[in-house]
Amino acid sequence: MPKMKTNRAAAKRFKLSGSGRVRRSKAGGNHMMQEKSRKRIRRLRNNDMVHKSLEKQIKLLLPYG
């Protein structure tokens, strides 16, 4: 039986946390930053967790899920 291939798009966007939850970065932090407030930019720096209802689907795309 051949090995499952990793979905490269998913591997670049998601990582697993130590507890097994799926981490993702927040949207809107790439361009037009001068129009966004400092508070908003600061919040965008932190990673977010994927919702529990989508976790199972994303883990299927990752090799270590």
Protein backbone atom coordinates (compact mmCIF):
# COMPACT_ATOMS: atom_id res chain seq x y z
CA MET A 1 0.00 0.00 0.00
CA PRO A 2 1.51 3.39 -0.97
CA LYS A 3 1.90 6.17 1.57
CA MET A 4 -0.64 8.98 1.76
CA LYS A 5 0.60 12.20 0.20
CA THR A 6 0.51 15.36 2.31
CA ASN A 7 -1.69 18.13 1.02
CA ARG A 8 1.00 20.81 0.60
CA ALA A 9 -1.46 23.72 0.69
CA ALA A 10 -2.77 22.55 4.08
CA ALA A 11 0.74 21.87 5.43
CA LYS A 12 1.73 25.50 4.75
CA ARG A 13 -1.37 26.88 6.49
CA PHE A 14 -1.87 24.63 9.52
CA LYS A 15 0.27 23.22 12.33
CA LEU A 16 -0.69 20.94 15.20
CA SER A 17 -0.40 22.31 18.73
CA GLY A 18 1.03 20.30 21.60
CA SER A 19 -2.44 19.30 22.76
CA GLY A 20 -3.40 18.09 19.26
CA ARG A 21 -5.55 21.05 18.22
CA VAL A 22 -5.00 22.67 14.82
CA ARG A 23 -3.37 26.13 14.77
CA ARG A 24 -3.91 28.67 11.99
CA SER A 25 -2.88 32.27 11.40
CA LYS A 26 -5.48 35.03 11.23
CA ALA A 27 -6.58 36.56 7.94
CA GLY A 28 -5.92 40.15 6.93
CA GLY A 29 -2.31 40.61 8.04
CA ASN A 30 -0.52 40.88 4.70
CA HIS A 31 -1.12 44.24 3.05
CA MET A 32 -2.69 47.69 3.53
CA MET A 33 -1.43 47.65 7.10
CA GLN A 34 -1.21 51.46 7.33
CA GLU A 35 -5.03 51.68 7.31
CA LYS A 36 -5.43 49.19 10.15
CA SER A 37 -5.24 50.28 13.77
CA ARG A 38 -2.21 49.34 15.90
CA LYS A 39 -4.54 47.34 18.15
CA ARG A 40 -5.87 45.36 15.20
CA ILE A 41 -2.37 44.66 13.81
CA ARG A 42 -1.23 43.49 17.25
CA ARG A 43 -4.16 41.06 17.47
CA LEU A 44 -3.41 39.66 13.99
CA ARG A 45 0.09 38.60 15.11
CA ASN A 46 -1.24 35.85 17.39
CA ASN A 47 -2.22 32.46 16.02
CA ASP A 48 -5.76 31.19 16.29
CA MET A 49 -7.25 27.72 16.59
CA VAL A 50 -9.36 26.03 13.91
CA HIS A 51 -12.95 25.39 14.96
CA LYS A 52 -13.59 21.92 16.36
CA SER A 53 -16.09 21.07 13.60
CA LEU A 54 -13.36 21.46 10.93
CA GLU A 55 -10.46 19.87 12.83
CA LYS A 56 -11.09 16.31 11.65
CA GLN A 57 -11.14 17.31 7.96
CA ILE A 58 -7.89 19.29 8.22
CA LYS A 59 -6.10 16.53 10.13
CA LEU A 60 -6.80 14.15 7.23
CA LEU A 61 -4.78 16.46 4.94
CA LEU A 62 -1.77 16.62 7.26
CA PRO A 63 0.77 13.77 7.50
CA TYR A 64 1.07 13.91 11.27
CA GLY A 65 -2.69 14.36 11.90
